[in-house]
């Protein structure tokens, strides 16, 4: 049973790494600061640095806010597609 939990843990860990990589890439591409992003999205000022240091993980609400802010799909942020554009 513990091997199942180990596999699940690794999948979740990889998912959060993908989300963080995509967020950081979008911050750089849009030439904004993490502070501006969190301020504009109504997130805590330390959200991005907390995610980078593994003090916290972006929740569902944050992922949705970030997708809307950057005009990308949540599927893109989650690493489910390479196409960043939302599918309306």
N, C-alpha and C. Protein backbone atom coordinates (compact mmCIF):
# COMPACT_ATOMS: atom_id res chain seq x y z
N UNK A 1 0.81 -1.19 0.00
CA UNK A 1 0.00 0.00 0.00
C UNK A 1 0.86 1.27 0.00
N UNK A 2 1.98 1.24 0.70
CA UNK A 2 2.83 2.43 0.76
C UNK A 2 3.43 2.76 -0.59
N UNK A 3 3.63 1.76 -1.46
CA UNK A 3 4.16 2.05 -2.79
C UNK A 3 3.14 2.81 -3.62
N UNK A 4 1.85 2.55 -3.39
CA UNK A 4 0.80 3.29 -4.09
C UNK A 4 0.85 4.76 -3.67
N UNK A 5 1.00 5.00 -2.37
CA UNK A 5 1.10 6.37 -1.89
C UNK A 5 2.35 7.06 -2.41
N UNK A 6 3.43 6.34 -2.52
CA UNK A 6 4.67 6.91 -3.06
C UNK A 6 4.48 7.34 -4.51
N UNK A 7 3.80 6.53 -5.28
CA UNK A 7 3.54 6.85 -6.69
C UNK A 7 2.64 8.07 -6.77
N UNK A 8 1.59 8.11 -5.97
CA UNK A 8 0.67 9.24 -5.97
C UNK A 8 1.40 10.51 -5.56
N UNK A 9 2.23 10.41 -4.54
CA UNK A 9 3.00 11.57 -4.07
C UNK A 9 3.90 12.10 -5.18
N UNK A 10 4.56 11.23 -5.90
CA UNK A 10 5.46 11.65 -6.99
C UNK A 10 4.68 12.32 -8.12
N UNK A 11 3.50 11.81 -8.41
CA UNK A 11 2.66 12.42 -9.46
C UNK A 11 2.25 13.82 -9.05
N UNK A 12 1.81 13.97 -7.82
CA UNK A 12 1.39 15.28 -7.32
C UNK A 12 2.56 16.24 -7.30
N UNK A 13 3.71 15.77 -6.86
CA UNK A 13 4.92 16.60 -6.82
C UNK A 13 5.27 17.09 -8.22
N UNK A 14 5.19 16.20 -9.20
CA UNK A 14 5.50 16.57 -10.58
C UNK A 14 4.48 17.58 -11.11
N UNK A 15 3.21 17.39 -10.78
CA UNK A 15 2.16 18.31 -11.21
C UNK A 15 2.44 19.72 -10.71
N UNK A 16 2.79 19.85 -9.43
CA UNK A 16 3.06 21.17 -8.88
C UNK A 16 4.32 21.79 -9.48
N UNK A 17 5.29 20.98 -9.84
CA UNK A 17 6.49 21.49 -10.51
C UNK A 17 6.13 22.06 -11.87
N UNK A 18 5.26 21.35 -12.59
CA UNK A 18 4.82 21.82 -13.92
C UNK A 18 4.08 23.14 -13.78
N UNK A 19 3.15 23.21 -12.82
CA UNK A 19 2.38 24.44 -12.62
C UNK A 19 3.33 25.60 -12.33
N UNK A 20 4.26 25.42 -11.43
CA UNK A 20 5.19 26.48 -11.07
C UNK A 20 6.05 26.89 -12.26
N UNK A 21 6.54 25.93 -13.02
CA UNK A 21 7.35 26.25 -14.20
C UNK A 21 6.56 27.10 -15.19
N UNK A 22 5.30 26.74 -15.40
CA UNK A 22 4.47 27.49 -16.35
C UNK A 22 4.19 28.90 -15.83
N UNK A 23 3.91 29.03 -14.54
CA UNK A 23 3.66 30.35 -13.96
C UNK A 23 4.90 31.23 -14.10
N UNK A 24 6.05 30.70 -13.77
CA UNK A 24 7.29 31.47 -13.87
C UNK A 24 7.59 31.86 -15.31
N UNK A 25 7.32 30.96 -16.24
CA UNK A 25 7.52 31.26 -17.66
C UNK A 25 6.60 32.40 -18.10
N UNK A 26 5.35 32.36 -17.67
CA UNK A 26 4.40 33.42 -18.04
C UNK A 26 4.77 34.76 -17.41
N UNK A 27 5.26 34.72 -16.19
CA UNK A 27 5.73 35.95 -15.54
C UNK A 27 6.85 36.58 -16.37
N UNK A 28 7.80 35.75 -16.78
CA UNK A 28 8.93 36.24 -17.57
C UNK A 28 8.47 36.74 -18.93
N UNK A 29 7.65 35.95 -19.62
CA UNK A 29 7.18 36.33 -20.96
C UNK A 29 6.40 37.64 -20.94
N UNK A 30 5.66 37.87 -19.87
CA UNK A 30 4.84 39.07 -19.77
C UNK A 30 5.56 40.23 -19.09
N UNK A 31 6.82 39.98 -18.72
CA UNK A 31 7.67 41.00 -18.11
C UNK A 31 7.00 41.73 -16.95
N UNK A 32 6.48 40.92 -16.03
CA UNK A 32 5.87 41.47 -14.83
C UNK A 32 6.58 40.89 -13.62
N UNK A 33 6.36 41.50 -12.51
CA UNK A 33 6.95 40.98 -11.27
C UNK A 33 5.95 40.04 -10.59
N UNK A 34 6.49 39.20 -9.74
CA UNK A 34 5.62 38.32 -8.96
C UNK A 34 4.69 39.15 -8.09
N UNK A 35 5.20 40.28 -7.58
CA UNK A 35 4.37 41.15 -6.75
C UNK A 35 3.18 41.69 -7.55
N UNK A 36 3.43 42.15 -8.78
CA UNK A 36 2.33 42.66 -9.61
C UNK A 36 1.32 41.56 -9.88
N UNK A 37 1.80 40.38 -10.18
CA UNK A 37 0.90 39.26 -10.46
C UNK A 37 0.00 38.97 -9.26
N UNK A 38 0.61 38.83 -8.10
CA UNK A 38 -0.18 38.48 -6.92
C UNK A 38 -1.13 39.62 -6.55
N UNK A 39 -0.67 40.84 -6.70
CA UNK A 39 -1.52 42.00 -6.41
C UNK A 39 -2.72 42.04 -7.36
N UNK A 40 -2.46 41.89 -8.65
CA UNK A 40 -3.53 41.94 -9.66
C UNK A 40 -4.53 40.78 -9.50
N UNK A 41 -4.04 39.64 -9.03
CA UNK A 41 -4.90 38.45 -8.92
C UNK A 41 -5.52 38.29 -7.54
N UNK A 42 -5.19 39.18 -6.62
CA UNK A 42 -5.75 39.09 -5.29
C UNK A 42 -5.19 37.95 -4.46
N UNK A 43 -3.94 37.59 -4.74
CA UNK A 43 -3.26 36.53 -3.99
C UNK A 43 -2.34 37.18 -2.96
N UNK A 44 -1.90 36.41 -1.99
CA UNK A 44 -0.98 36.96 -0.99
C UNK A 44 0.31 37.39 -1.69
N UNK A 45 0.92 38.44 -1.17
CA UNK A 45 2.15 38.97 -1.77
C UNK A 45 3.26 37.93 -1.83
N UNK A 46 3.25 37.00 -0.92
CA UNK A 46 4.32 36.00 -0.88
C UNK A 46 3.96 34.70 -1.61
N UNK A 47 2.83 34.67 -2.29
CA UNK A 47 2.36 33.42 -2.91
C UNK A 47 3.41 32.78 -3.81
N UNK A 48 3.95 33.53 -4.75
CA UNK A 48 4.90 32.95 -5.71
C UNK A 48 6.16 32.47 -4.99
N UNK A 49 6.68 33.27 -4.08
CA UNK A 49 7.89 32.83 -3.36
C UNK A 49 7.58 31.63 -2.47
N UNK A 50 6.38 31.58 -1.90
CA UNK A 50 5.99 30.40 -1.11
C UNK A 50 5.91 29.15 -1.99
N UNK A 51 5.40 29.31 -3.20
CA UNK A 51 5.33 28.17 -4.12
C UNK A 51 6.73 27.72 -4.51
N UNK A 52 7.61 28.69 -4.77
CA UNK A 52 8.98 28.36 -5.18
C UNK A 52 9.74 27.64 -4.07
N UNK A 53 9.47 28.00 -2.83
CA UNK A 53 10.19 27.40 -1.70
C UNK A 53 9.45 26.21 -1.09
N UNK A 54 8.39 25.77 -1.74
CA UNK A 54 7.58 24.64 -1.27
C UNK A 54 6.92 24.87 0.08
N UNK A 55 6.73 26.13 0.45
CA UNK A 55 6.00 26.45 1.68
C UNK A 55 4.51 26.32 1.46
N UNK A 56 4.09 26.43 0.20
CA UNK A 56 2.68 26.33 -0.15
C UNK A 56 2.57 25.86 -1.59
N UNK A 57 1.39 25.43 -1.96
CA UNK A 57 1.10 24.99 -3.33
C UNK A 57 -0.05 25.83 -3.87
N UNK A 58 -0.04 26.15 -5.16
CA UNK A 58 -1.17 26.91 -5.71
C UNK A 58 -2.44 26.06 -5.69
N UNK A 59 -3.47 26.61 -5.12
CA UNK A 59 -4.75 25.91 -5.06
C UNK A 59 -5.55 26.11 -6.33
N UNK A 60 -6.70 25.49 -6.37
CA UNK A 60 -7.58 25.56 -7.54
C UNK A 60 -7.95 27.01 -7.85
N UNK A 61 -8.33 27.77 -6.83
CA UNK A 61 -8.71 29.16 -7.06
C UNK A 61 -7.56 29.96 -7.68
N UNK A 62 -6.36 29.75 -7.18
CA UNK A 62 -5.20 30.47 -7.71
C UNK A 62 -4.94 30.08 -9.16
N UNK A 63 -5.03 28.80 -9.47
CA UNK A 63 -4.80 28.34 -10.85
C UNK A 63 -5.81 28.99 -11.80
N UNK A 64 -7.07 29.04 -11.39
CA UNK A 64 -8.11 29.66 -12.23
C UNK A 64 -7.84 31.15 -12.40
N UNK A 65 -7.50 31.85 -11.31
CA UNK A 65 -7.20 33.28 -11.40
C UNK A 65 -6.01 33.53 -12.32
N UNK A 66 -4.97 32.71 -12.19
CA UNK A 66 -3.78 32.89 -13.02
C UNK A 66 -4.07 32.62 -14.49
N UNK A 67 -4.87 31.59 -14.76
CA UNK A 67 -5.24 31.28 -16.15
C UNK A 67 -5.99 32.46 -16.77
N UNK A 68 -6.92 33.02 -16.02
CA UNK A 68 -7.67 34.18 -16.52
C UNK A 68 -6.75 35.38 -16.72
N UNK A 69 -5.87 35.62 -15.77
CA UNK A 69 -4.96 36.76 -15.83
C UNK A 69 -4.07 36.68 -17.06
N UNK A 70 -3.51 35.51 -17.33
CA UNK A 70 -2.60 35.34 -18.46
C UNK A 70 -3.30 34.96 -19.75
N UNK A 71 -4.63 34.79 -19.69
CA UNK A 71 -5.41 34.36 -20.85
C UNK A 71 -4.89 33.04 -21.42
N UNK A 72 -4.68 32.09 -20.52
CA UNK A 72 -4.28 30.74 -20.91
C UNK A 72 -5.28 29.77 -20.29
N UNK A 73 -5.27 28.56 -20.76
CA UNK A 73 -6.19 27.57 -20.21
C UNK A 73 -5.62 26.98 -18.92
N UNK A 74 -6.52 26.53 -18.07
CA UNK A 74 -6.07 25.83 -16.87
C UNK A 74 -5.38 24.53 -17.28
N UNK A 75 -5.82 23.92 -18.38
CA UNK A 75 -5.15 22.71 -18.86
C UNK A 75 -3.67 22.99 -19.16
N UNK A 76 -3.39 24.17 -19.69
CA UNK A 76 -2.00 24.54 -19.96
C UNK A 76 -1.21 24.66 -18.66
N UNK A 77 -1.77 25.37 -17.68
CA UNK A 77 -1.07 25.53 -16.40
C UNK A 77 -0.84 24.19 -15.72
N UNK A 78 -1.78 23.26 -15.90
CA UNK A 78 -1.66 21.95 -15.27
C UNK A 78 -0.78 20.99 -16.06
N UNK A 79 -0.31 21.42 -17.22
CA UNK A 79 0.57 20.57 -18.02
C UNK A 79 -0.17 19.52 -18.83
N UNK A 80 -1.47 19.72 -19.02
CA UNK A 80 -2.26 18.75 -19.79
C UNK A 80 -2.22 19.01 -21.28
N UNK A 81 -1.76 20.19 -21.66
CA UNK A 81 -1.61 20.55 -23.07
C UNK A 81 -0.44 21.51 -23.20
N UNK A 82 0.14 21.53 -24.38
CA UNK A 82 1.20 22.49 -24.68
C UNK A 82 0.63 23.77 -25.28
N UNK A 83 -0.64 23.73 -25.66
CA UNK A 83 -1.31 24.88 -26.25
C UNK A 83 -1.83 25.78 -25.13
N UNK A 84 -1.27 26.97 -24.99
CA UNK A 84 -1.67 27.82 -23.88
C UNK A 84 -3.03 28.48 -24.03
N UNK A 85 -3.55 28.54 -25.24
CA UNK A 85 -4.78 29.29 -25.47
C UNK A 85 -5.99 28.54 -24.91
N UNK A 86 -6.88 29.30 -24.27
CA UNK A 86 -8.10 28.66 -23.72
C UNK A 86 -9.00 28.17 -24.85
N UNK A 87 -9.78 27.17 -24.55
CA UNK A 87 -10.71 26.57 -25.50
C UNK A 87 -12.12 27.00 -25.12
N UNK A 88 -12.60 28.08 -25.75
CA UNK A 88 -13.96 28.57 -25.45
C UNK A 88 -14.95 27.93 -26.35
